[in-house]
């Protein structure tokens, strides 16, 4: 910042019609950034690429008035790309190749079963590390809750992965395997769905990279502690009726 000011930003979706002719691919979220005082002179955009030998494949895209400009960064660190700016609007990272590994994250959202017959479901999201948790969370329904666990792993774009569990409380895992793409939205769908038997409270979960030269490779594994299902109790109430909070369908 050249002086004090207020910074406002939110994420938005990439326009692939503008990006594709450049031969570039998204390498992070696209940010819609505003500074009413015009005091912002540099940005540091988070990246998740893993390559210690070179960083020239990362560039910065500036989208304004329906036009896209690809800029060279001032500096690339292990976590951020620094760029000098003359104006605001839409900014994001792009890259020219997909062959490098990326820092990834595994996010878990539990959706409890309803009634006797429906099973609880653990939605497993396999994403680049610089996808914002808030972006994924806001797309979950009100019955789903984030299971907090360490999430970092190393992923290879276009490689195939599968989820496994040794827990006897696991009923079904679908799909059997899935290709990993560096997706930055706008929609985030579960990569895997793990259906849990009734009463499941703990889960041994493993993410495996398929078809490596040494066979399958474990890239992420955690013991997942599930919350105890809430028990609904009803007590007679002789006072005035209270309002009930309903979850929209």
C-alpha atoms as a PDB file:
ATOM      1  CA  UNK A   1       0.000   0.000   0.000  1.00  0.00           C
ATOM      2  CA  UNK A   2       1.299   3.466  -0.864  1.00  0.00           C
ATOM      3  CA  UNK A   3      -0.817   4.881   1.971  1.00  0.00           C
ATOM      4  CA  UNK A   4      -3.625   3.870   4.285  1.00  0.00           C
ATOM      5  CA  UNK A   5      -6.754   2.550   2.636  1.00  0.00           C
ATOM      6  CA  UNK A   6      -9.484  -0.048   2.550  1.00  0.00           C
ATOM      7  CA  UNK A   7      -9.128  -3.286   0.590  1.00  0.00           C
ATOM      8  CA  UNK A   8     -12.170  -5.243  -0.573  1.00  0.00           C
ATOM      9  CA  UNK A   9     -11.944  -8.567  -2.404  1.00  0.00           C
ATOM     10  CA  UNK A  10     -13.947 -11.644  -3.276  1.00  0.00           C
ATOM     11  CA  UNK A  11     -13.390 -14.675  -5.496  1.00  0.00           C
ATOM     12  CA  UNK A  12     -15.084 -15.039  -8.864  1.00  0.00           C
ATOM     13  CA  UNK A  13     -14.967 -17.578 -11.716  1.00  0.00           C
ATOM     14  CA  UNK A  14     -12.489 -17.709 -14.586  1.00  0.00           C
ATOM     15  CA  UNK A  15     -13.714 -16.904 -18.094  1.00  0.00           C
ATOM     16  CA  UNK A  16     -12.098 -19.748 -20.033  1.00  0.00           C
ATOM     17  CA  UNK A  17     -13.159 -18.091 -23.308  1.00  0.00           C
ATOM     18  CA  UNK A  18     -10.661 -15.310 -22.530  1.00  0.00           C
ATOM     19  CA  UNK A  19      -7.988 -17.550 -21.015  1.00  0.00           C
ATOM     20  CA  UNK A  20      -7.850 -20.478 -23.480  1.00  0.00           C
ATOM     21  CA  UNK A  21      -6.445 -18.516 -26.501  1.00  0.00           C
ATOM     22  CA  UNK A  22      -3.417 -17.539 -24.368  1.00  0.00           C
ATOM     23  CA  UNK A  23      -2.432 -21.195 -23.817  1.00  0.00           C
ATOM     24  CA  UNK A  24      -2.515 -20.624 -20.060  1.00  0.00           C
ATOM     25  CA  UNK A  25      -4.368 -22.522 -17.315  1.00  0.00           C
ATOM     26  CA  UNK A  26      -5.673 -21.258 -13.937  1.00  0.00           C
ATOM     27  CA  UNK A  27      -3.107 -21.665 -11.140  1.00  0.00           C
ATOM     28  CA  UNK A  28      -5.240 -20.197  -8.366  1.00  0.00           C
ATOM     29  CA  UNK A  29      -8.526 -18.464  -7.640  1.00  0.00           C
ATOM     30  CA  UNK A  30      -9.506 -15.354  -9.584  1.00  0.00           C
ATOM     31  CA  UNK A  31      -9.850 -12.397  -7.202  1.00  0.00           C
ATOM     32  CA  UNK A  32     -12.087  -9.381  -7.711  1.00  0.00           C
ATOM     33  CA  UNK A  33     -10.156  -6.676  -5.834  1.00  0.00           C
ATOM     34  CA  UNK A  34     -11.099  -3.081  -5.061  1.00  0.00           C
ATOM     35  CA  UNK A  35      -9.388  -0.304  -3.126  1.00  0.00           C
ATOM     36  CA  UNK A  36     -11.563   2.862  -3.068  1.00  0.00           C
ATOM     37  CA  UNK A  37      -8.570   5.042  -2.081  1.00  0.00           C
ATOM     38  CA  UNK A  38      -6.419   3.722  -4.981  1.00  0.00           C
ATOM     39  CA  UNK A  39      -3.527   3.101  -2.571  1.00  0.00           C
ATOM     40  CA  UNK A  40      -2.701  -0.487  -3.582  1.00  0.00           C
ATOM     41  CA  UNK A  41       0.538  -0.799  -5.595  1.00  0.00           C
ATOM     42  CA  UNK A  42       1.470  -4.493  -5.250  1.00  0.00           C
ATOM     43  CA  UNK A  43      -0.287  -7.819  -4.807  1.00  0.00           C
ATOM     44  CA  UNK A  44       0.960 -11.132  -3.398  1.00  0.00           C
ATOM     45  CA  UNK A  45      -1.168 -13.958  -4.766  1.00  0.00           C
ATOM     46  CA  UNK A  46      -0.950 -17.416  -3.113  1.00  0.00           C
ATOM     47  CA  UNK A  47       0.249 -20.347  -5.242  1.00  0.00           C
ATOM     48  CA  UNK A  48       0.563 -24.093  -4.549  1.00  0.00           C
ATOM     49  CA  UNK A  49       3.125 -25.203  -7.168  1.00  0.00           C
ATOM     50  CA  UNK A  50       6.025 -27.458  -6.142  1.00  0.00           C
ATOM     51  CA  UNK A  51       9.176 -26.890  -8.186  1.00  0.00           C
ATOM     52  CA  UNK A  52      12.453 -25.659  -6.705  1.00  0.00           C
ATOM     53  CA  UNK A  53      14.285 -25.525 -10.039  1.00  0.00           C
ATOM     54  CA  UNK A  54      12.214 -22.946 -11.908  1.00  0.00           C
ATOM     55  CA  UNK A  55       9.303 -20.606 -11.527  1.00  0.00           C
ATOM     56  CA  UNK A  56       9.024 -19.018 -14.967  1.00  0.00           C
ATOM     57  CA  UNK A  57       5.891 -21.046 -15.776  1.00  0.00           C
ATOM     58  CA  UNK A  58       3.835 -18.858 -13.383  1.00  0.00           C
ATOM     59  CA  UNK A  59       2.332 -15.593 -14.625  1.00  0.00           C
ATOM     60  CA  UNK A  60      -0.323 -13.143 -13.457  1.00  0.00           C
ATOM     61  CA  UNK A  61      -3.559 -12.553 -15.352  1.00  0.00           C
ATOM     62  CA  UNK A  62      -5.306  -9.177 -15.209  1.00  0.00           C
ATOM     63  CA  UNK A  63      -8.869  -9.064 -16.519  1.00  0.00           C
ATOM     64  CA  UNK A  64     -10.466  -5.658 -17.123  1.00  0.00           C
ATOM     65  CA  UNK A  65     -13.311  -4.508 -19.384  1.00  0.00           C
ATOM     66  CA  UNK A  66     -13.550  -7.921 -21.062  1.00  0.00           C
ATOM     67  CA  UNK A  67      -9.836  -8.048 -21.924  1.00  0.00           C
ATOM     68  CA  UNK A  68      -7.158 -10.322 -20.440  1.00  0.00           C
ATOM     69  CA  UNK A  69      -3.512  -9.314 -19.997  1.00  0.00           C
ATOM     70  CA  UNK A  70      -0.799 -11.795 -18.915  1.00  0.00           C
ATOM     71  CA  UNK A  71       1.965 -10.144 -16.839  1.00  0.00           C
ATOM     72  CA  UNK A  72       5.347 -11.331 -15.600  1.00  0.00           C
ATOM     73  CA  UNK A  73       5.686 -11.307 -11.787  1.00  0.00           C
ATOM     74  CA  UNK A  74       8.197  -9.278  -9.809  1.00  0.00           C
ATOM     75  CA  UNK A  75       9.061 -12.262  -7.599  1.00  0.00           C
ATOM     76  CA  UNK A  76       7.979 -15.855  -7.005  1.00  0.00           C
ATOM     77  CA  UNK A  77       8.476 -17.286  -3.504  1.00  0.00           C
ATOM     78  CA  UNK A  78       7.588 -20.772  -2.286  1.00  0.00           C
ATOM     79  CA  UNK A  79       4.101 -19.580  -1.339  1.00  0.00           C
ATOM     80  CA  UNK A  80       3.270 -16.354  -3.214  1.00  0.00           C
ATOM     81  CA  UNK A  81       3.677 -14.504  -6.495  1.00  0.00           C
ATOM     82  CA  UNK A  82       4.363 -10.767  -6.202  1.00  0.00           C
ATOM     83  CA  UNK A  83       3.204  -8.405  -8.937  1.00  0.00           C
ATOM     84  CA  UNK A  84       3.166  -4.633  -9.402  1.00  0.00           C
ATOM     85  CA  UNK A  85      -0.242  -3.215 -10.329  1.00  0.00           C
ATOM     86  CA  UNK A  86      -1.481   0.021 -11.869  1.00  0.00           C
ATOM     87  CA  UNK A  87      -5.198  -0.720 -11.574  1.00  0.00           C
ATOM     88  CA  UNK A  88      -7.532  -3.178  -9.926  1.00  0.00           C
ATOM     89  CA  UNK A  89     -10.558  -5.362 -10.921  1.00  0.00           C
ATOM     90  CA  UNK A  90      -9.780  -9.074 -11.590  1.00  0.00           C
ATOM     91  CA  UNK A  91      -6.420 -10.681 -10.779  1.00  0.00           C
ATOM     92  CA  UNK A  92      -5.300 -14.313 -10.674  1.00  0.00           C
ATOM     93  CA  UNK A  93      -2.416 -16.699 -11.297  1.00  0.00           C
ATOM     94  CA  UNK A  94      -1.985 -18.697 -14.506  1.00  0.00           C
ATOM     95  CA  UNK A  95       0.541 -21.283 -15.685  1.00  0.00           C
ATOM     96  CA  UNK A  96       1.603 -22.640 -19.040  1.00  0.00           C
ATOM     97  CA  UNK A  97       2.103 -26.306 -18.061  1.00  0.00           C
ATOM     98  CA  UNK A  98       0.480 -28.965 -15.881  1.00  0.00           C
ATOM     99  CA  UNK A  99       3.404 -31.327 -15.389  1.00  0.00           C
ATOM    100  CA  UNK A 100       4.487 -30.125 -11.954  1.00  0.00           C
ATOM    101  CA  UNK A 101       3.243 -31.430  -8.619  1.00  0.00           C
ATOM    102  CA  UNK A 102       1.147 -29.120  -6.492  1.00  0.00           C
ATOM    103  CA  UNK A 103       0.503 -28.727  -2.794  1.00  0.00           C
ATOM    104  CA  UNK A 104      -2.963 -30.136  -2.246  1.00  0.00           C
ATOM    105  CA  UNK A 105      -5.555 -30.354   0.494  1.00  0.00           C
ATOM    106  CA  UNK A 106      -8.139 -32.945   1.524  1.00  0.00           C
ATOM    107  CA  UNK A 107     -11.322 -31.433   2.976  1.00  0.00           C
ATOM    108  CA  UNK A 108     -13.952 -33.526   4.768  1.00  0.00           C
ATOM    109  CA  UNK A 109     -17.604 -32.603   5.205  1.00  0.00           C
ATOM    110  CA  UNK A 110     -19.961 -34.894   7.129  1.00  0.00           C
ATOM    111  CA  UNK A 111     -23.632 -35.042   6.202  1.00  0.00           C
ATOM    112  CA  UNK A 112     -25.584 -36.987   8.842  1.00  0.00           C
ATOM    113  CA  UNK A 113     -28.176 -39.541   7.787  1.00  0.00           C
ATOM    114  CA  UNK A 114     -31.840 -38.828   8.358  1.00  0.00           C
ATOM    115  CA  UNK A 115     -34.087 -41.464   9.854  1.00  0.00           C
ATOM    116  CA  UNK A 116     -33.291 -45.137  10.346  1.00  0.00           C
ATOM    117  CA  UNK A 117     -32.550 -46.108   6.761  1.00  0.00           C
ATOM    118  CA  UNK A 118     -30.343 -43.287   5.487  1.00  0.00           C
ATOM    119  CA  UNK A 119     -26.590 -43.560   6.093  1.00  0.00           C
ATOM    120  CA  UNK A 120     -24.319 -40.705   7.090  1.00  0.00           C
ATOM    121  CA  UNK A 121     -22.049 -39.590   4.266  1.00  0.00           C
ATOM    122  CA  UNK A 122     -18.539 -38.157   4.397  1.00  0.00           C
ATOM    123  CA  UNK A 123     -17.843 -35.976   1.360  1.00  0.00           C
ATOM    124  CA  UNK A 124     -14.132 -35.946   0.476  1.00  0.00           C
ATOM    125  CA  UNK A 125     -12.815 -32.982  -1.542  1.00  0.00           C
ATOM    126  CA  UNK A 126      -9.348 -33.292  -3.128  1.00  0.00           C
ATOM    127  CA  UNK A 127      -8.286 -29.790  -4.160  1.00  0.00           C
ATOM    128  CA  UNK A 128      -5.268 -27.528  -4.742  1.00  0.00           C
ATOM    129  CA  UNK A 129      -4.084 -25.935  -1.491  1.00  0.00           C
ATOM    130  CA  UNK A 130      -4.783 -22.372  -2.615  1.00  0.00           C
ATOM    131  CA  UNK A 131      -8.523 -22.988  -3.059  1.00  0.00           C
ATOM    132  CA  UNK A 132     -10.128 -21.010  -0.236  1.00  0.00           C
ATOM    133  CA  UNK A 133     -11.867 -23.098   2.429  1.00  0.00           C
ATOM    134  CA  UNK A 134     -14.625 -20.480   2.575  1.00  0.00           C
ATOM    135  CA  UNK A 135     -15.387 -21.053  -1.132  1.00  0.00           C
ATOM    136  CA  UNK A 136     -15.988 -24.758  -0.551  1.00  0.00           C
ATOM    137  CA  UNK A 137     -17.827 -24.304   2.755  1.00  0.00           C
ATOM    138  CA  UNK A 138     -20.391 -21.877   1.385  1.00  0.00           C
ATOM    139  CA  UNK A 139     -21.499 -24.469  -1.209  1.00  0.00           C
ATOM    140  CA  UNK A 140     -22.380 -27.092   1.438  1.00  0.00           C
ATOM    141  CA  UNK A 141     -25.939 -27.412   2.688  1.00  0.00           C
ATOM    142  CA  UNK A 142     -26.799 -26.524   6.272  1.00  0.00           C
ATOM    143  CA  UNK A 143     -26.780 -30.161   7.412  1.00  0.00           C
ATOM    144  CA  UNK A 144     -23.121 -30.664   6.445  1.00  0.00           C
ATOM    145  CA  UNK A 145     -20.310 -29.879   8.882  1.00  0.00           C
ATOM    146  CA  UNK A 146     -16.566 -29.540   8.326  1.00  0.00           C
ATOM    147  CA  UNK A 147     -14.468 -32.253   9.994  1.00  0.00           C
ATOM    148  CA  UNK A 148     -11.297 -30.446  11.042  1.00  0.00           C
ATOM    149  CA  UNK A 149      -8.131 -32.401  10.368  1.00  0.00           C
ATOM    150  CA  UNK A 150      -4.698 -31.713   8.896  1.00  0.00           C
ATOM    151  CA  UNK A 151      -5.244 -31.618   5.154  1.00  0.00           C
ATOM    152  CA  UNK A 152      -1.941 -30.978   3.355  1.00  0.00           C
ATOM    153  CA  UNK A 153      -0.642 -33.439   0.751  1.00  0.00           C
ATOM    154  CA  UNK A 154       1.272 -33.486  -2.545  1.00  0.00           C
ATOM    155  CA  UNK A 155      -0.765 -34.096  -5.712  1.00  0.00           C
ATOM    156  CA  UNK A 156      -0.015 -34.641  -9.385  1.00  0.00           C
ATOM    157  CA  UNK A 157      -2.419 -33.053 -11.877  1.00  0.00           C
ATOM    158  CA  UNK A 158      -4.131 -35.581 -14.178  1.00  0.00           C
ATOM    159  CA  UNK A 159      -2.997 -38.505 -11.985  1.00  0.00           C
ATOM    160  CA  UNK A 160      -5.583 -41.005 -10.713  1.00  0.00           C
ATOM    161  CA  UNK A 161      -6.375 -41.321  -7.009  1.00  0.00           C
ATOM    162  CA  UNK A 162      -8.610 -43.460  -4.844  1.00  0.00           C
ATOM    163  CA  UNK A 163      -9.797 -43.405  -1.225  1.00  0.00           C
ATOM    164  CA  UNK A 164      -9.506 -46.432   1.034  1.00  0.00           C
ATOM    165  CA  UNK A 165     -10.495 -47.221   4.620  1.00  0.00           C
ATOM    166  CA  UNK A 166      -9.772 -50.166   6.903  1.00  0.00           C
ATOM    167  CA  UNK A 167     -12.675 -49.240   9.155  1.00  0.00           C
ATOM    168  CA  UNK A 168     -15.499 -51.779   9.380  1.00  0.00           C
ATOM    169  CA  UNK A 169     -17.875 -48.823   9.687  1.00  0.00           C
ATOM    170  CA  UNK A 170     -17.347 -47.938   6.018  1.00  0.00           C
ATOM    171  CA  UNK A 171     -20.202 -49.217   3.850  1.00  0.00           C
ATOM    172  CA  UNK A 172     -19.465 -47.828   0.382  1.00  0.00           C
ATOM    173  CA  UNK A 173     -16.833 -45.555  -1.175  1.00  0.00           C
ATOM    174  CA  UNK A 174     -17.617 -44.080  -4.560  1.00  0.00           C
ATOM    175  CA  UNK A 175     -16.274 -43.619  -7.162  1.00  0.00           C
ATOM    176  CA  UNK A 176     -13.598 -46.323  -7.088  1.00  0.00           C
ATOM    177  CA  UNK A 177     -11.015 -43.882  -8.484  1.00  0.00           C
ATOM    178  CA  UNK A 178     -10.900 -40.357  -9.869  1.00  0.00           C
ATOM    179  CA  UNK A 179      -8.522 -38.201 -11.908  1.00  0.00           C
ATOM    180  CA  UNK A 180      -7.253 -35.082 -10.109  1.00  0.00           C
ATOM    181  CA  UNK A 181      -7.595 -31.750 -11.889  1.00  0.00           C
ATOM    182  CA  UNK A 182      -6.487 -28.352 -10.579  1.00  0.00           C
ATOM    183  CA  UNK A 183     -10.025 -26.998 -10.414  1.00  0.00           C
ATOM    184  CA  UNK A 184     -10.659 -23.484  -9.113  1.00  0.00           C
ATOM    185  CA  UNK A 185     -14.441 -23.400  -9.360  1.00  0.00           C
ATOM    186  CA  UNK A 186     -16.897 -21.898  -9.639  1.00  0.00           C
ATOM    187  CA  UNK A 187     -18.457 -25.198  -8.462  1.00  0.00           C
ATOM    188  CA  UNK A 188     -16.837 -27.612  -6.016  1.00  0.00           C
ATOM    189  CA  UNK A 189     -18.279 -31.120  -6.021  1.00  0.00           C
ATOM    190  CA  UNK A 190     -17.061 -33.964  -3.750  1.00  0.00           C
ATOM    191  CA  UNK A 191     -14.255 -36.013  -5.295  1.00  0.00           C
ATOM    192  CA  UNK A 192     -15.301 -39.075  -3.262  1.00  0.00           C
ATOM    193  CA  UNK A 193     -18.305 -40.068  -1.140  1.00  0.00           C
ATOM    194  CA  UNK A 194     -17.805 -42.342   1.872  1.00  0.00           C
ATOM    195  CA  UNK A 195     -21.027 -43.850   3.224  1.00  0.00           C
ATOM    196  CA  UNK A 196     -20.786 -44.768   6.904  1.00  0.00           C
ATOM    197  CA  UNK A 197     -22.547 -47.488   8.874  1.00  0.00           C
ATOM    198  CA  UNK A 198     -24.811 -46.424  11.741  1.00  0.00           C
ATOM    199  CA  UNK A 199     -22.886 -45.525  14.872  1.00  0.00           C
ATOM    200  CA  UNK A 200     -19.582 -44.784  13.132  1.00  0.00           C
ATOM    201  CA  UNK A 201     -17.422 -42.579  15.359  1.00  0.00           C
ATOM    202  CA  UNK A 202     -13.889 -43.130  14.028  1.00  0.00           C
ATOM    203  CA  UNK A 203     -12.532 -43.697  10.556  1.00  0.00           C
ATOM    204  CA  UNK A 204      -9.106 -44.624   9.164  1.00  0.00           C
ATOM    205  CA  UNK A 205      -8.986 -42.785   5.845  1.00  0.00           C
ATOM    206  CA  UNK A 206      -6.270 -43.041   3.168  1.00  0.00           C
ATOM    207  CA  UNK A 207      -5.800 -41.239  -0.159  1.00  0.00           C
ATOM    208  CA  UNK A 208      -3.778 -43.353  -2.625  1.00  0.00           C
ATOM    209  CA  UNK A 209      -2.150 -42.388  -5.914  1.00  0.00           C
ATOM    210  CA  UNK A 210      -2.831 -45.173  -8.409  1.00  0.00           C
ATOM    211  CA  UNK A 211      -0.577 -46.731 -11.069  1.00  0.00           C
ATOM    212  CA  UNK A 212       2.831 -45.423 -10.013  1.00  0.00           C
ATOM    213  CA  UNK A 213       5.950 -47.381 -10.966  1.00  0.00           C
ATOM    214  CA  UNK A 214       6.049 -48.793  -7.434  1.00  0.00           C
ATOM    215  CA  UNK A 215       2.335 -49.556  -7.354  1.00  0.00           C
ATOM    216  CA  UNK A 216      -0.061 -47.464  -5.322  1.00  0.00           C
ATOM    217  CA  UNK A 217       1.422 -44.636  -3.256  1.00  0.00           C
ATOM    218  CA  UNK A 218      -0.084 -43.289  -0.045  1.00  0.00           C
ATOM    219  CA  UNK A 219      -0.204 -39.479  -0.255  1.00  0.00           C
ATOM    220  CA  UNK A 220      -2.485 -38.694   2.719  1.00  0.00           C
ATOM    221  CA  UNK A 221      -3.769 -40.724   5.673  1.00  0.00           C
ATOM    222  CA  UNK A 222      -5.553 -39.670   8.844  1.00  0.00           C
ATOM    223  CA  UNK A 223      -7.534 -41.077  11.737  1.00  0.00           C
ATOM    224  CA  UNK A 224     -10.797 -39.144  11.430  1.00  0.00           C
ATOM    225  CA  UNK A 225     -12.806 -38.636  14.621  1.00  0.00           C
ATOM    226  CA  UNK A 226     -16.489 -38.217  13.820  1.00  0.00           C
ATOM    227  CA  UNK A 227     -18.823 -36.203  16.064  1.00  0.00           C
ATOM    228  CA  UNK A 228     -21.275 -38.064  18.267  1.00  0.00           C
ATOM    229  CA  UNK A 229     -24.739 -37.862  16.673  1.00  0.00           C
ATOM    230  CA  UNK A 230     -27.020 -35.451  18.497  1.00  0.00           C
ATOM    231  CA  UNK A 231     -29.822 -37.082  20.492  1.00  0.00           C
ATOM    232  CA  UNK A 232     -33.109 -35.241  20.249  1.00  0.00           C
ATOM    233  CA  UNK A 233     -34.995 -34.928  23.528  1.00  0.00           C
ATOM    234  CA  UNK A 234     -38.403 -33.426  23.982  1.00  0.00           C
ATOM    235  CA  UNK A 235     -39.601 -31.949  27.289  1.00  0.00           C
ATOM    236  CA  UNK A 236     -43.155 -30.880  27.974  1.00  0.00           C
ATOM    237  CA  UNK A 237     -43.421 -27.112  27.770  1.00  0.00           C
ATOM    238  CA  UNK A 238     -46.335 -25.317  29.362  1.00  0.00           C
ATOM    239  CA  UNK A 239     -45.030 -21.856  28.540  1.00  0.00           C
ATOM    240  CA  UNK A 240     -45.705 -19.914  25.375  1.00  0.00           C
ATOM    241  CA  UNK A 241     -44.619 -21.733  22.194  1.00  0.00           C
ATOM    242  CA  UNK A 242     -41.136 -20.907  20.955  1.00  0.00           C
ATOM    243  CA  UNK A 243     -40.133 -20.372  17.358  1.00  0.00           C
ATOM    244  CA  UNK A 244     -38.313 -23.262  15.700  1.00  0.00           C
ATOM    245  CA  UNK A 245     -35.390 -22.782  13.357  1.00  0.00           C
ATOM    246  CA  UNK A 246     -35.890 -24.726  10.159  1.00  0.00           C
ATOM    247  CA  UNK A 247     -33.255 -25.725   7.658  1.00  0.00           C
ATOM    248  CA  UNK A 248     -34.354 -24.850   4.074  1.00  0.00           C
ATOM    249  CA  UNK A 249     -34.704 -27.803   1.721  1.00  0.00           C
END
